[in-house]
């Protein structure tokens, strides 16, 4: 049995689908909530109801499990989430109950640039979590991934919603030259699923990215082209953008952005251009060939619905 934490999320759903296609038994973790969880439709998925910090229910969740895919993350929820409590303390709970249950391996999805000494909160938290996993005594594989995109993601759809909210112009952190290496979600999910059959990648930290280096301005231009929205790109100092993002996140918790986005764009987030093919024998997809999903939605309406849903109106 395989347990996927964060299985209701964007990457988790793609991963679960690939694991089941390979004939694996999969259980996913669902946190108690008044909202209906989003699960892969038409797939035989076992469900465990628990917060990742709930030690008692987590013991039931890992019962009979030999491998854990750990995907829980809170950076896209902005200031409404305590990253340390969710990710660090939650991972400590997961590791403790997994050791007691005899789980053999944990596969953790981290980010390029993760470092426990980082000045950026997201990268610091990811680096700390990585270190706890390395010291757990269990077999592990840590995947440091580039930004992941695809239908219902937080990256490109977040940009599309922001562009819909801001008329005429769109603000980017100056100078807009930081490089990212976006990964198509299906490529990432396939590579993660294939890890189960590759013992050589146990107890390693892998860095993976897509087949191209792009500036955030180039990504924004691709989103503009795919959505058909006309926006002038304006560069602002990151400190100004962070101040605006923090203010908006407190005023509008469902606003389609996270203050932690700027952490991704402060420095280059790249690795070897051949990382996917070298590690998984997989030829990754280029970003501009998989953005068709952005042209099929009214993004202004989607942004309004997000705001209305979380405001309870």
Protein backbone atom coordinates (compact mmCIF):
# COMPACT_ATOMS: atom_id res chain seq x y z
CA UNK A 1 0.00 0.00 0.00
CA UNK A 2 1.17 3.52 -0.87
CA UNK A 3 0.11 6.59 1.11
CA UNK A 4 0.01 9.96 -0.67
CA UNK A 5 -0.18 13.00 1.57
CA UNK A 6 -1.47 16.04 -0.28
CA UNK A 7 -3.22 13.67 -2.66
CA UNK A 8 -6.15 16.04 -3.22
CA UNK A 9 -3.78 18.68 -4.59
CA UNK A 10 -2.73 19.45 -8.12
CA UNK A 11 0.40 17.22 -8.21
CA UNK A 12 -1.11 14.59 -5.92
CA UNK A 13 -4.04 13.87 -8.21
CA UNK A 14 -1.76 13.36 -11.21
CA UNK A 15 0.56 11.12 -9.20
CA UNK A 16 -2.30 8.99 -7.86
CA UNK A 17 -3.61 8.46 -11.38
CA UNK A 18 -0.23 7.22 -12.61
CA UNK A 19 0.30 4.97 -9.59
CA UNK A 20 -3.08 3.31 -10.06
CA UNK A 21 -2.47 2.93 -13.79
CA UNK A 22 0.61 0.93 -12.81
CA UNK A 23 -1.50 -1.37 -10.64
CA UNK A 24 -0.50 0.09 -7.25
CA UNK A 25 -2.76 0.19 -4.21
CA UNK A 26 -3.07 3.82 -3.14
CA UNK A 27 -4.39 5.53 -0.04
CA UNK A 28 -4.61 9.31 0.19
CA UNK A 29 -4.81 11.59 3.18
CA UNK A 30 -7.78 13.95 3.44
CA UNK A 31 -7.93 16.59 6.14
CA UNK A 32 -11.29 17.15 7.89
CA UNK A 33 -13.01 20.09 6.24
CA UNK A 34 -16.42 21.51 5.44
CA UNK A 35 -15.44 21.58 1.77
CA UNK A 36 -15.84 18.54 -0.47
CA UNK A 37 -12.36 17.13 -1.23
CA UNK A 38 -11.25 16.90 -4.84
CA UNK A 39 -10.28 13.31 -5.62
CA UNK A 40 -9.33 11.64 -8.90
CA UNK A 41 -12.63 10.49 -10.39
CA UNK A 42 -13.29 6.88 -11.31
CA UNK A 43 -10.21 5.52 -9.54
CA UNK A 44 -10.11 2.99 -6.68
CA UNK A 45 -8.46 5.13 -3.99
CA UNK A 46 -8.47 4.29 -0.30
CA UNK A 47 -9.05 7.34 1.93
CA UNK A 48 -7.71 8.21 5.38
CA UNK A 49 -9.28 11.17 7.20
CA UNK A 50 -6.72 13.06 9.25
CA UNK A 51 -4.78 16.26 9.67
CA UNK A 52 -1.10 15.55 9.20
CA UNK A 53 -0.46 16.80 12.76
CA UNK A 54 -3.01 14.39 14.29
CA UNK A 55 -0.81 11.59 15.58
CA UNK A 56 -3.63 9.23 16.52
CA UNK A 57 -5.36 9.32 13.14
CA UNK A 58 -2.04 9.34 11.31
CA UNK A 59 -1.23 5.96 12.88
CA UNK A 60 -4.33 4.58 11.19
CA UNK A 61 -3.39 6.29 7.93
CA UNK A 62 0.03 4.57 7.72
CA UNK A 63 -1.23 1.13 8.78
CA UNK A 64 -0.17 -1.41 6.16
CA UNK A 65 1.76 1.20 4.17
CA UNK A 66 5.25 0.48 2.82
CA UNK A 67 5.88 3.73 0.88
CA UNK A 68 4.82 7.31 1.57
CA UNK A 69 4.74 10.07 -1.03
CA UNK A 70 4.86 13.25 1.02
CA UNK A 71 3.40 16.19 -0.95
CA UNK A 72 1.81 18.33 1.76
CA UNK A 73 2.68 22.01 1.42
CA UNK A 74 1.09 25.29 2.42
CA UNK A 75 3.01 27.95 0.53
CA UNK A 76 0.22 28.62 -1.96
CA UNK A 77 -2.19 29.44 0.89
CA UNK A 78 -0.16 32.50 1.86
CA UNK A 79 -0.15 34.04 5.33
CA UNK A 80 -3.24 32.07 6.42
CA UNK A 81 -1.03 29.01 6.97
CA UNK A 82 1.75 28.51 9.51
CA UNK A 83 4.32 26.77 7.33
CA UNK A 84 6.33 25.58 10.32
CA UNK A 85 3.33 23.98 11.99
CA UNK A 86 1.98 22.37 8.83
CA UNK A 87 5.17 21.24 7.13
CA UNK A 88 7.84 20.86 9.82
CA UNK A 89 5.73 19.63 12.73
CA UNK A 90 3.46 17.69 10.38
CA UNK A 91 6.45 15.92 8.83
CA UNK A 92 7.82 15.06 12.28
CA UNK A 93 4.48 13.46 13.13
CA UNK A 94 4.42 11.60 9.81
CA UNK A 95 7.96 10.29 10.30
CA UNK A 96 7.26 9.19 13.87
CA UNK A 97 4.15 7.16 13.05
CA UNK A 98 5.75 5.80 9.85
CA UNK A 99 8.74 4.47 11.78
CA UNK A 100 6.42 2.81 14.29
CA UNK A 101 4.38 1.24 11.46
CA UNK A 102 7.43 -0.10 9.62
CA UNK A 103 7.11 2.11 6.53
CA UNK A 104 10.12 1.36 4.34
CA UNK A 105 10.50 4.47 2.22
CA UNK A 106 9.42 8.11 2.03
CA UNK A 107 9.50 10.15 -1.18
CA UNK A 108 9.32 13.89 -0.57
CA UNK A 109 8.51 16.61 -3.08
CA UNK A 110 10.61 19.68 -2.34
CA UNK A 111 11.67 22.72 -4.39
CA UNK A 112 14.77 23.79 -6.25
CA UNK A 113 16.59 26.15 -3.90
CA UNK A 114 15.47 24.45 -0.67
CA UNK A 115 18.00 25.21 2.06
CA UNK A 116 17.51 25.29 5.82
CA UNK A 117 19.80 28.36 5.93
CA UNK A 118 17.77 30.24 3.30
CA UNK A 119 16.51 33.73 4.04
CA UNK A 120 13.25 32.91 2.22
CA UNK A 121 10.57 31.20 4.38
CA UNK A 122 9.42 28.60 1.84
CA UNK A 123 12.95 27.48 0.96
CA UNK A 124 13.99 27.44 4.60
CA UNK A 125 11.03 25.28 5.65
CA UNK A 126 11.58 22.85 2.76
CA UNK A 127 15.26 22.57 3.69
CA UNK A 128 14.42 21.80 7.32
CA UNK A 129 11.89 19.17 6.30
CA UNK A 130 14.47 17.57 4.01
CA UNK A 131 16.92 17.30 6.89
CA UNK A 132 14.40 15.60 9.18
CA UNK A 133 13.67 13.08 6.42
CA UNK A 134 17.37 12.35 5.84
CA UNK A 135 17.86 11.70 9.55
CA UNK A 136 14.74 9.54 9.93
CA UNK A 137 16.54 6.23 9.39
CA UNK A 138 14.10 5.27 6.63
CA UNK A 139 15.01 4.96 2.98
CA UNK A 140 14.16 8.23 1.27
CA UNK A 141 14.20 10.05 -2.02
CA UNK A 142 13.94 13.83 -2.04
CA UNK A 143 12.87 15.47 -5.29
CA UNK A 144 13.69 19.14 -5.66
CA UNK A 145 11.45 20.21 -8.50
CA UNK A 146 11.15 23.32 -10.61
CA UNK A 147 7.81 25.13 -10.62
CA UNK A 148 5.10 22.73 -11.76
CA UNK A 149 2.37 23.76 -14.21
CA UNK A 150 -0.76 22.23 -15.70
CA UNK A 151 -4.56 22.49 -15.46
CA UNK A 152 -5.69 23.77 -12.04
CA UNK A 153 -2.14 24.53 -10.92
CA UNK A 154 -1.17 27.43 -8.66
CA UNK A 155 1.52 28.81 -10.94
CA UNK A 156 0.10 29.62 -14.38
CA UNK A 157 -3.57 29.75 -13.32
CA UNK A 158 -2.55 32.02 -10.45
CA UNK A 159 -0.88 34.35 -12.93
CA UNK A 160 -3.97 34.24 -15.17
CA UNK A 161 -6.27 35.18 -12.26
CA UNK A 162 -3.99 38.01 -11.21
CA UNK A 163 -3.91 39.36 -14.74
CA UNK A 164 -7.69 39.21 -14.83
CA UNK A 165 -7.90 41.19 -11.60
CA UNK A 166 -5.38 43.88 -12.63
CA UNK A 167 -6.56 45.72 -15.76
CA UNK A 168 -4.19 47.07 -18.39
CA UNK A 169 -0.91 46.24 -16.63
CA UNK A 170 0.69 43.46 -14.64
CA UNK A 171 3.44 43.86 -12.06
CA UNK A 172 6.57 41.71 -11.98
CA UNK A 173 9.50 41.86 -9.55
CA UNK A 174 12.36 43.89 -11.02
CA UNK A 175 14.45 43.23 -12.98
CA UNK A 176 12.41 40.22 -14.16
CA UNK A 177 15.47 38.20 -15.17
CA UNK A 178 15.34 35.46 -12.52
CA UNK A 179 15.24 32.09 -14.26
CA UNK A 180 12.75 29.30 -13.62
CA UNK A 181 12.64 25.82 -15.12
CA UNK A 182 8.95 24.84 -15.29
CA UNK A 183 7.98 21.16 -15.18
CA UNK A 184 4.84 19.77 -16.85
CA UNK A 185 2.82 18.03 -14.13
CA UNK A 186 2.45 14.79 -16.11
CA UNK A 187 6.24 14.55 -16.56
CA UNK A 188 6.75 15.03 -12.82
CA UNK A 189 4.08 12.48 -11.90
CA UNK A 190 5.52 9.87 -14.27
CA UNK A 191 9.03 10.37 -12.90
CA UNK A 192 7.84 10.13 -9.29
CA UNK A 193 5.90 6.94 -10.01
CA UNK A 194 8.92 5.37 -11.71
CA UNK A 195 11.00 5.92 -8.56
CA UNK A 196 9.39 2.84 -7.03
CA UNK A 197 11.16 0.61 -9.55
CA UNK A 198 14.54 2.33 -9.30
CA UNK A 199 16.42 1.28 -6.13
CA UNK A 200 19.50 3.20 -7.28
CA UNK A 201 17.72 6.46 -6.45
CA UNK A 202 17.13 5.58 -2.80
CA UNK A 203 18.72 7.85 -0.21
CA UNK A 204 19.40 10.56 -2.76
CA UNK A 205 18.35 14.16 -3.28
CA UNK A 206 17.40 14.69 -6.92
CA UNK A 207 17.06 18.03 -8.68
CA UNK A 208 14.76 18.08 -11.68
CA UNK A 209 13.45 20.73 -14.03
CA UNK A 210 11.92 21.13 -17.44
CA UNK A 211 13.80 21.33 -20.76
CA UNK A 212 14.22 25.12 -20.82
CA UNK A 213 15.28 28.08 -18.71
CA UNK A 214 12.73 30.90 -18.78
CA UNK A 215 12.61 34.30 -17.13
CA UNK A 216 9.44 35.11 -15.23
CA UNK A 217 8.77 37.78 -17.85
CA UNK A 218 8.87 35.14 -20.57
CA UNK A 219 6.46 32.98 -18.58
CA UNK A 220 4.13 35.95 -18.10
CA UNK A 221 4.21 36.62 -21.86
CA UNK A 222 3.26 32.99 -22.52
CA UNK A 223 0.30 33.29 -20.13
CA UNK A 224 -0.78 36.54 -21.82
CA UNK A 225 -0.66 34.86 -25.22
CA UNK A 226 -2.49 31.73 -24.05
CA UNK A 227 -5.29 33.61 -22.27
CA UNK A 228 -5.68 36.33 -24.87
CA UNK A 229 -5.51 39.04 -22.20
CA UNK A 230 -3.57 42.14 -23.19
CA UNK A 231 -1.41 43.39 -20.32
CA UNK A 232 1.60 45.66 -20.16
CA UNK A 233 4.30 44.17 -17.94
CA UNK A 234 5.67 46.62 -15.37
CA UNK A 235 8.63 45.89 -13.10
CA UNK A 236 8.57 46.94 -9.44
CA UNK A 237 11.09 46.48 -6.68
CA UNK A 238 10.47 43.15 -4.89
CA UNK A 239 10.13 44.94 -1.54
CA UNK A 240 7.20 46.97 -2.91
CA UNK A 241 5.53 43.90 -4.36
CA UNK A 242 5.92 41.99 -1.10
CA UNK A 243 4.32 44.85 0.83
CA UNK A 244 1.38 44.90 -1.57
CA UNK A 245 1.05 41.11 -1.48
CA UNK A 246 1.04 40.97 2.34
CA UNK A 247 -1.56 43.74 2.55
CA UNK A 248 -3.85 42.08 0.02
CA UNK A 249 -3.48 38.65 1.64
CA UNK A 250 -4.80 40.04 4.92
CA UNK A 251 -7.59 42.04 3.28
CA UNK A 252 -8.59 39.29 0.84
CA UNK A 253 -7.46 35.82 2.03
CA UNK A 254 -8.76 34.21 -1.19
CA UNK A 255 -6.96 36.66 -3.46
CA UNK A 256 -5.40 34.59 -6.28
CA UNK A 257 -1.81 34.86 -5.17
CA UNK A 258 0.49 33.96 -2.30
CA UNK A 259 3.01 36.26 -0.66
CA UNK A 260 5.46 33.37 -0.93
CA UNK A 261 5.43 33.56 -4.73
CA UNK A 262 8.16 36.16 -4.51
CA UNK A 263 10.42 33.62 -2.80
CA UNK A 264 10.46 31.59 -5.98
CA UNK A 265 11.39 34.58 -8.09
CA UNK A 266 14.10 36.12 -5.90
CA UNK A 267 16.85 33.94 -7.41
CA UNK A 268 17.31 31.52 -10.27
CA UNK A 269 15.49 28.22 -9.62
CA UNK A 270 17.21 25.95 -12.12
CA UNK A 271 19.20 22.74 -12.38
CA UNK A 272 20.77 20.69 -15.20
CA UNK A 273 18.76 21.02 -18.39
CA UNK A 274 18.96 17.24 -18.97
CA UNK A 275 17.90 16.24 -15.45
CA UNK A 276 14.64 14.50 -16.41
CA UNK A 277 16.13 12.49 -19.25
CA UNK A 278 19.23 11.56 -17.24
CA UNK A 279 17.36 10.43 -14.12
CA UNK A 280 14.20 8.95 -15.62
CA UNK A 281 14.92 8.44 -19.31
CA UNK A 282 12.07 10.85 -19.97
CA UNK A 283 12.01 13.61 -22.60
CA UNK A 284 10.16 16.47 -20.86
CA UNK A 285 7.68 18.73 -22.56
CA UNK A 286 8.29 22.40 -23.38
CA UNK A 287 6.02 24.86 -21.63
CA UNK A 288 4.47 26.62 -24.62
CA UNK A 289 3.13 23.32 -25.97
CA UNK A 290 0.94 22.67 -22.90
CA UNK A 291 -0.82 25.92 -22.05
CA UNK A 292 -4.01 25.30 -23.99
CA UNK A 293 -5.95 24.92 -20.73
CA UNK A 294 -5.46 28.66 -20.11
CA UNK A 295 -7.53 29.60 -23.16
CA UNK A 296 -10.63 27.72 -22.05
CA UNK A 297 -11.68 29.74 -19.01
CA UNK A 298 -13.09 33.10 -17.98
CA UNK A 299 -10.31 34.09 -15.57
CA UNK A 300 -12.01 37.20 -14.23
CA UNK A 301 -15.01 35.10 -13.26
CA UNK A 302 -12.72 32.45 -11.74
CA UNK A 303 -10.96 35.07 -9.60
CA UNK A 304 -14.30 36.48 -8.41
CA UNK A 305 -15.53 32.98 -7.53
CA UNK A 306 -12.40 32.36 -5.43
CA UNK A 307 -12.98 35.58 -3.51
CA UNK A 308 -16.68 34.85 -3.05
CA UNK A 309 -16.11 31.24 -1.95
CA UNK A 310 -13.69 32.06 0.84
CA UNK A 311 -15.59 35.12 1.99
CA UNK A 312 -18.62 32.88 2.47
CA UNK A 313 -20.89 34.99 0.25
